[in-house]
Amino acid sequence: MAFGVAFFAGASSSSPFLIKFVTGLGNVALGSILWYQTKYVDVTSTASTKSFYSFIWKLMMAAQLLLPLIR
């Protein structure tokens, strides 16, 4: 959901088209990666859950790199 909100924030920003395209595509890619990885999480395994939680934080840090592009 956060990547969807970031996509719409980037698309509705007053930035040039290239910036909108990069932020939109970046957030769609990150959201797709997150969606894809959810299929492989075993919620009964603590190790798997912890690994996925760490992965989510890595994606959020990657998304932070796109935020300065949104004006």
PDB file of N, CA and C in Angstrom:
ATOM      1  N   MET A   1       0.820  -1.184   0.000  1.00  0.00           N
ATOM      2  CA  MET A   1       0.000   0.000   0.000  1.00  0.00           C
ATOM      3  C   MET A   1       0.869   1.254   0.000  1.00  0.00           C
ATOM      4  N   ALA A   2       1.949   1.212   0.749  1.00  0.00           N
ATOM      5  CA  ALA A   2       2.833   2.380   0.807  1.00  0.00           C
ATOM      6  C   ALA A   2       3.446   2.689  -0.552  1.00  0.00           C
ATOM      7  N   PHE A   3       3.770   1.643  -1.307  1.00  0.00           N
ATOM      8  CA  PHE A   3       4.354   1.866  -2.626  1.00  0.00           C
ATOM      9  C   PHE A   3       3.313   2.432  -3.588  1.00  0.00           C
ATOM     10  N   GLY A   4       2.061   2.058  -3.414  1.00  0.00           N
ATOM     11  CA  GLY A   4       0.992   2.624  -4.231  1.00  0.00           C
ATOM     12  C   GLY A   4       0.787   4.093  -3.956  1.00  0.00           C
ATOM     13  N   VAL A   5       0.825   4.469  -2.691  1.00  0.00           N
ATOM     14  CA  VAL A   5       0.708   5.878  -2.316  1.00  0.00           C
ATOM     15  C   VAL A   5       1.890   6.674  -2.855  1.00  0.00           C
ATOM     16  N   ALA A   6       3.080   6.101  -2.748  1.00  0.00           N
ATOM     17  CA  ALA A   6       4.275   6.780  -3.272  1.00  0.00           C
ATOM     18  C   ALA A   6       4.208   6.911  -4.788  1.00  0.00           C
ATOM     19  N   PHE A   7       3.636   5.910  -5.458  1.00  0.00           N
ATOM     20  CA  PHE A   7       3.471   5.985  -6.914  1.00  0.00           C
ATOM     21  C   PHE A   7       2.581   7.163  -7.289  1.00  0.00           C
ATOM     22  N   PHE A   8       1.442   7.295  -6.609  1.00  0.00           N
ATOM     23  CA  PHE A   8       0.523   8.395  -6.916  1.00  0.00           C
ATOM     24  C   PHE A   8       1.095   9.753  -6.509  1.00  0.00           C
ATOM     25  N   ALA A   9       1.881   9.788  -5.454  1.00  0.00           N
ATOM     26  CA  ALA A   9       2.530  11.047  -5.065  1.00  0.00           C
ATOM     27  C   ALA A   9       3.534  11.471  -6.129  1.00  0.00           C
ATOM     28  N   GLY A  10       4.279  10.534  -6.646  1.00  0.00           N
ATOM     29  CA  GLY A  10       5.236  10.839  -7.704  1.00  0.00           C
ATOM     30  C   GLY A  10       4.563  11.227  -9.002  1.00  0.00           C
ATOM     31  N   ALA A  11       3.466  10.547  -9.322  1.00  0.00           N
ATOM     32  CA  ALA A  11       2.754  10.831 -10.569  1.00  0.00           C
ATOM     33  C   ALA A  11       2.059  12.181 -10.536  1.00  0.00           C
ATOM     34  N   SER A  12       1.649  12.628  -9.361  1.00  0.00           N
ATOM     35  CA  SER A  12       0.936  13.899  -9.269  1.00  0.00           C
ATOM     36  C   SER A  12       1.847  15.063  -8.878  1.00  0.00           C
ATOM     37  N   SER A  13       3.139  14.814  -8.792  1.00  0.00           N
ATOM     38  CA  SER A  13       4.062  15.888  -8.412  1.00  0.00           C
ATOM     39  C   SER A  13       4.245  16.869  -9.565  1.00  0.00           C
ATOM     40  N   SER A  14       4.833  18.002  -9.250  1.00  0.00           N
ATOM     41  CA  SER A  14       5.055  19.031 -10.267  1.00  0.00           C
ATOM     42  C   SER A  14       6.405  18.867 -10.968  1.00  0.00           C
ATOM     43  N   SER A  15       7.008  17.715 -10.828  1.00  0.00           N
ATOM     44  CA  SER A  15       8.308  17.426 -11.433  1.00  0.00           C
ATOM     45  C   SER A  15       8.156  17.164 -12.932  1.00  0.00           C
ATOM     46  N   PRO A  16       9.254  17.253 -13.670  1.00  0.00           N
ATOM     47  CA  PRO A  16       9.213  16.913 -15.099  1.00  0.00           C
ATOM     48  C   PRO A  16       8.818  15.448 -15.316  1.00  0.00           C
ATOM     49  N   PHE A  17       8.424  15.130 -16.535  1.00  0.00           N
ATOM     50  CA  PHE A  17       7.928  13.792 -16.853  1.00  0.00           C
ATOM     51  C   PHE A  17       8.948  12.700 -16.540  1.00  0.00           C
ATOM     52  N   LEU A  18      10.214  12.920 -16.825  1.00  0.00           N
ATOM     53  CA  LEU A  18      11.227  11.893 -16.580  1.00  0.00           C
ATOM     54  C   LEU A  18      11.308  11.533 -15.098  1.00  0.00           C
ATOM     55  N   ILE A  19      11.232  12.537 -14.238  1.00  0.00           N
ATOM     56  CA  ILE A  19      11.268  12.291 -12.790  1.00  0.00           C
ATOM     57  C   ILE A  19      10.029  11.503 -12.370  1.00  0.00           C
ATOM     58  N   LYS A  20       8.867  11.884 -12.911  1.00  0.00           N
ATOM     59  CA  LYS A  20       7.637  11.154 -12.594  1.00  0.00           C
ATOM     60  C   LYS A  20       7.748   9.705 -13.040  1.00  0.00           C
ATOM     61  N   PHE A  21       8.319   9.505 -14.216  1.00  0.00           N
ATOM     62  CA  PHE A  21       8.463   8.160 -14.758  1.00  0.00           C
ATOM     63  C   PHE A  21       9.390   7.316 -13.884  1.00  0.00           C
ATOM     64  N   VAL A  22      10.513   7.889 -13.480  1.00  0.00           N
ATOM     65  CA  VAL A  22      11.488   7.156 -12.665  1.00  0.00           C
ATOM     66  C   VAL A  22      10.901   6.814 -11.299  1.00  0.00           C
ATOM     67  N   THR A  23      10.251   7.761 -10.645  1.00  0.00           N
ATOM     68  CA  THR A  23       9.676   7.476  -9.326  1.00  0.00           C
ATOM     69  C   THR A  23       8.526   6.483  -9.433  1.00  0.00           C
ATOM     70  N   GLY A  24       7.698   6.639 -10.461  1.00  0.00           N
ATOM     71  CA  GLY A  24       6.590   5.710 -10.633  1.00  0.00           C
ATOM     72  C   GLY A  24       7.067   4.300 -10.917  1.00  0.00           C
ATOM     73  N   LEU A  25       7.991   4.166 -11.849  1.00  0.00           N
ATOM     74  CA  LEU A  25       8.522   2.860 -12.195  1.00  0.00           C
ATOM     75  C   LEU A  25       9.285   2.236 -11.014  1.00  0.00           C
ATOM     76  N   GLY A  26      10.028   3.056 -10.296  1.00  0.00           N
ATOM     77  CA  GLY A  26      10.763   2.552  -9.131  1.00  0.00           C
ATOM     78  C   GLY A  26       9.844   2.021  -8.055  1.00  0.00           C
ATOM     79  N   ASN A  27       8.768   2.743  -7.772  1.00  0.00           N
ATOM     80  CA  ASN A  27       7.838   2.290  -6.744  1.00  0.00           C
ATOM     81  C   ASN A  27       7.038   1.070  -7.194  1.00  0.00           C
ATOM     82  N   VAL A  28       6.687   1.013  -8.455  1.00  0.00           N
ATOM     83  CA  VAL A  28       6.001  -0.181  -8.972  1.00  0.00           C
ATOM     84  C   VAL A  28       6.927  -1.387  -8.884  1.00  0.00           C
ATOM     85  N   ALA A  29       8.193  -1.203  -9.217  1.00  0.00           N
ATOM     86  CA  ALA A  29       9.158  -2.308  -9.139  1.00  0.00           C
ATOM     87  C   ALA A  29       9.337  -2.780  -7.695  1.00  0.00           C
ATOM     88  N   LEU A  30       9.491  -1.847  -6.774  1.00  0.00           N
ATOM     89  CA  LEU A  30       9.672  -2.233  -5.371  1.00  0.00           C
ATOM     90  C   LEU A  30       8.425  -2.917  -4.816  1.00  0.00           C
ATOM     91  N   GLY A  31       7.256  -2.405  -5.171  1.00  0.00           N
ATOM     92  CA  GLY A  31       6.016  -3.031  -4.730  1.00  0.00           C
ATOM     93  C   GLY A  31       5.838  -4.424  -5.315  1.00  0.00           C
ATOM     94  N   SER A  32       6.234  -4.590  -6.558  1.00  0.00           N
ATOM     95  CA  SER A  32       6.141  -5.906  -7.205  1.00  0.00           C
ATOM     96  C   SER A  32       7.089  -6.912  -6.561  1.00  0.00           C
ATOM     97  N   ILE A  33       8.281  -6.457  -6.228  1.00  0.00           N
ATOM     98  CA  ILE A  33       9.239  -7.331  -5.546  1.00  0.00           C
ATOM     99  C   ILE A  33       8.678  -7.770  -4.193  1.00  0.00           C
ATOM    100  N   LEU A  34       8.084  -6.840  -3.474  1.00  0.00           N
ATOM    101  CA  LEU A  34       7.485  -7.168  -2.175  1.00  0.00           C
ATOM    102  C   LEU A  34       6.353  -8.166  -2.358  1.00  0.00           C
ATOM    103  N   TRP A  35       5.490  -7.924  -3.336  1.00  0.00           N
ATOM    104  CA  TRP A  35       4.360  -8.819  -3.596  1.00  0.00           C
ATOM    105  C   TRP A  35       4.860 -10.226  -3.952  1.00  0.00           C
ATOM    106  N   TYR A  36       5.908 -10.287  -4.766  1.00  0.00           N
ATOM    107  CA  TYR A  36       6.465 -11.570  -5.184  1.00  0.00           C
ATOM    108  C   TYR A  36       7.051 -12.337  -3.995  1.00  0.00           C
ATOM    109  N   GLN A  37       7.740 -11.641  -3.115  1.00  0.00           N
ATOM    110  CA  GLN A  37       8.392 -12.310  -1.982  1.00  0.00           C
ATOM    111  C   GLN A  37       7.397 -12.813  -0.933  1.00  0.00           C
ATOM    112  N   THR A  38       6.201 -12.241  -0.888  1.00  0.00           N
ATOM    113  CA  THR A  38       5.227 -12.687   0.122  1.00  0.00           C
ATOM    114  C   THR A  38       4.794 -14.128  -0.103  1.00  0.00           C
ATOM    115  N   LYS A  39       4.923 -14.622  -1.327  1.00  0.00           N
ATOM    116  CA  LYS A  39       4.524 -16.009  -1.612  1.00  0.00           C
ATOM    117  C   LYS A  39       5.447 -17.019  -0.947  1.00  0.00           C
ATOM    118  N   TYR A  40       6.637 -16.609  -0.601  1.00  0.00           N
ATOM    119  CA  TYR A  40       7.635 -17.540  -0.087  1.00  0.00           C
ATOM    120  C   TYR A  40       7.878 -17.410   1.417  1.00  0.00           C
ATOM    121  N   VAL A  41       6.997 -16.716   2.103  1.00  0.00           N
ATOM    122  CA  VAL A  41       7.149 -16.560   3.548  1.00  0.00           C
ATOM    123  C   VAL A  41       6.355 -17.654   4.251  1.00  0.00           C
ATOM    124  N   ASP A  42       7.031 -18.373   5.116  1.00  0.00           N
ATOM    125  CA  ASP A  42       6.368 -19.382   5.942  1.00  0.00           C
ATOM    126  C   ASP A  42       6.069 -18.730   7.292  1.00  0.00           C
ATOM    127  N   VAL A  43       4.801 -18.391   7.508  1.00  0.00           N
ATOM    128  CA  VAL A  43       4.446 -17.655   8.725  1.00  0.00           C
ATOM    129  C   VAL A  43       4.576 -18.498   9.982  1.00  0.00           C
ATOM    130  N   THR A  44       4.711 -19.809   9.839  1.00  0.00           N
ATOM    131  CA  THR A  44       4.895 -20.644  11.019  1.00  0.00           C
ATOM    132  C   THR A  44       6.360 -20.721  11.446  1.00  0.00           C
ATOM    133  N   SER A  45       7.245 -20.261  10.582  1.00  0.00           N
ATOM    134  CA  SER A  45       8.674 -20.294  10.875  1.00  0.00           C
ATOM    135  C   SER A  45       9.142 -18.918  11.345  1.00  0.00           C
ATOM    136  N   THR A  46       9.720 -18.869  12.511  1.00  0.00           N
ATOM    137  CA  THR A  46      10.223 -17.606  13.047  1.00  0.00           C
ATOM    138  C   THR A  46      11.353 -17.056  12.193  1.00  0.00           C
ATOM    139  N   ALA A  47      12.224 -17.920  11.734  1.00  0.00           N
ATOM    140  CA  ALA A  47      13.360 -17.481  10.910  1.00  0.00           C
ATOM    141  C   ALA A  47      12.874 -16.876   9.597  1.00  0.00           C
ATOM    142  N   SER A  48      11.883 -17.490   8.980  1.00  0.00           N
ATOM    143  CA  SER A  48      11.343 -16.974   7.729  1.00  0.00           C
ATOM    144  C   SER A  48      10.666 -15.622   7.936  1.00  0.00           C
ATOM    145  N   THR A  49       9.933 -15.497   9.018  1.00  0.00           N
ATOM    146  CA  THR A  49       9.252 -14.240   9.318  1.00  0.00           C
ATOM    147  C   THR A  49      10.252 -13.128   9.595  1.00  0.00           C
ATOM    148  N   LYS A  50      11.282 -13.430  10.346  1.00  0.00           N
ATOM    149  CA  LYS A  50      12.313 -12.428  10.633  1.00  0.00           C
ATOM    150  C   LYS A  50      13.049 -12.007   9.369  1.00  0.00           C
ATOM    151  N   SER A  51      13.325 -12.967   8.513  1.00  0.00           N
ATOM    152  CA  SER A  51      14.003 -12.669   7.257  1.00  0.00           C
ATOM    153  C   SER A  51      13.143 -11.774   6.370  1.00  0.00           C
ATOM    154  N   PHE A  52      11.848 -12.047   6.314  1.00  0.00           N
ATOM    155  CA  PHE A  52      10.947 -11.225   5.508  1.00  0.00           C
ATOM    156  C   PHE A  52      10.820  -9.825   6.095  1.00  0.00           C
ATOM    157  N   TYR A  53      10.767  -9.723   7.406  1.00  0.00           N
ATOM    158  CA  TYR A  53      10.708  -8.418   8.070  1.00  0.00           C
ATOM    159  C   TYR A  53      11.949  -7.587   7.726  1.00  0.00           C
ATOM    160  N   SER A  54      13.104  -8.224   7.739  1.00  0.00           N
ATOM    161  CA  SER A  54      14.343  -7.540   7.364  1.00  0.00           C
ATOM    162  C   SER A  54      14.305  -7.117   5.896  1.00  0.00           C
ATOM    163  N   PHE A  55      13.748  -7.969   5.048  1.00  0.00           N
ATOM    164  CA  PHE A  55      13.623  -7.655   3.632  1.00  0.00           C
ATOM    165  C   PHE A  55      12.723  -6.442   3.407  1.00  0.00           C
ATOM    166  N   ILE A  56      11.642  -6.348   4.164  1.00  0.00           N
ATOM    167  CA  ILE A  56      10.746  -5.195   4.050  1.00  0.00           C
ATOM    168  C   ILE A  56      11.494  -3.905   4.377  1.00  0.00           C
ATOM    169  N   TRP A  57      12.315  -3.923   5.409  1.00  0.00           N
ATOM    170  CA  TRP A  57      13.078  -2.730   5.766  1.00  0.00           C
ATOM    171  C   TRP A  57      14.093  -2.366   4.681  1.00  0.00           C
ATOM    172  N   LYS A  58      14.674  -3.354   4.058  1.00  0.00           N
ATOM    173  CA  LYS A  58      15.603  -3.074   2.953  1.00  0.00           C
ATOM    174  C   LYS A  58      14.879  -2.410   1.788  1.00  0.00           C
ATOM    175  N   LEU A  59      13.676  -2.884   1.486  1.00  0.00           N
ATOM    176  CA  LEU A  59      12.890  -2.250   0.425  1.00  0.00           C
ATOM    177  C   LEU A  59      12.515  -0.819   0.786  1.00  0.00           C
ATOM    178  N   MET A  60      12.170  -0.588   2.034  1.00  0.00           N
ATOM    179  CA  MET A  60      11.808   0.763   2.450  1.00  0.00           C
ATOM    180  C   MET A  60      13.013   1.702   2.376  1.00  0.00           C
ATOM    181  N   MET A  61      14.190   1.206   2.685  1.00  0.00           N
ATOM    182  CA  MET A  61      15.392   2.029   2.550  1.00  0.00           C
ATOM    183  C   MET A  61      15.658   2.345   1.075  1.00  0.00           C
ATOM    184  N   ALA A  62      15.402   1.384   0.198  1.00  0.00           N
ATOM    185  CA  ALA A  62      15.545   1.635  -1.240  1.00  0.00           C
ATOM    186  C   ALA A  62      14.522   2.669  -1.704  1.00  0.00           C
ATOM    187  N   ALA A  63      13.330   2.615  -1.148  1.00  0.00           N
ATOM    188  CA  ALA A  63      12.294   3.586  -1.512  1.00  0.00           C
ATOM    189  C   ALA A  63      12.667   4.988  -1.040  1.00  0.00           C
ATOM    190  N   GLN A  64      13.420   5.072   0.039  1.00  0.00           N
ATOM    191  CA  GLN A  64      13.847   6.383   0.544  1.00  0.00           C
ATOM    192  C   GLN A  64      14.734   7.105  -0.481  1.00  0.00           C
ATOM    193  N   LEU A  65      15.405   6.351  -1.321  1.00  0.00           N
ATOM    194  CA  LEU A  65      16.243   6.961  -2.354  1.00  0.00           C
ATOM    195  C   LEU A  65      15.408   7.663  -3.426  1.00  0.00           C
ATOM    196  N   LEU A  66      14.157   7.243  -3.593  1.00  0.00           N
ATOM    197  CA  LEU A  66      13.275   7.854  -4.583  1.00  0.00           C
ATOM    198  C   LEU A  66      12.576   9.106  -4.076  1.00  0.00           C
ATOM    199  N   LEU A  67      12.476   9.260  -2.760  1.00  0.00           N
ATOM    200  CA  LEU A  67      11.739  10.394  -2.205  1.00  0.00           C
ATOM    201  C   LEU A  67      12.271  11.774  -2.579  1.00  0.00           C
ATOM    202  N   PRO A  68      13.585  11.987  -2.643  1.00  0.00           N
ATOM    203  CA  PRO A  68      14.054  13.335  -3.025  1.00  0.00           C
ATOM    204  C   PRO A  68      13.633  13.761  -4.437  1.00  0.00           C
ATOM    205  N   LEU A  69      13.263  12.787  -5.268  1.00  0.00           N
ATOM    206  CA  LEU A  69      12.842  13.128  -6.623  1.00  0.00           C
ATOM    207  C   LEU A  69      11.440  13.726  -6.674  1.00  0.00           C
ATOM    208  N   ILE A  70      10.634  13.427  -5.650  1.00  0.00           N
ATOM    209  CA  ILE A  70       9.253  13.939  -5.608  1.00  0.00           C
ATOM    210  C   ILE A  70       9.273  15.345  -5.025  1.00  0.00           C
ATOM    211  N   ARG A  71       8.797  16.290  -5.803  1.00  0.00           N
ATOM    212  CA  ARG A  71       8.739  17.679  -5.309  1.00  0.00           C
ATOM    213  C   ARG A  71       7.312  18.137  -5.212  1.00  0.00           C
TER     214      ARG A  71
END
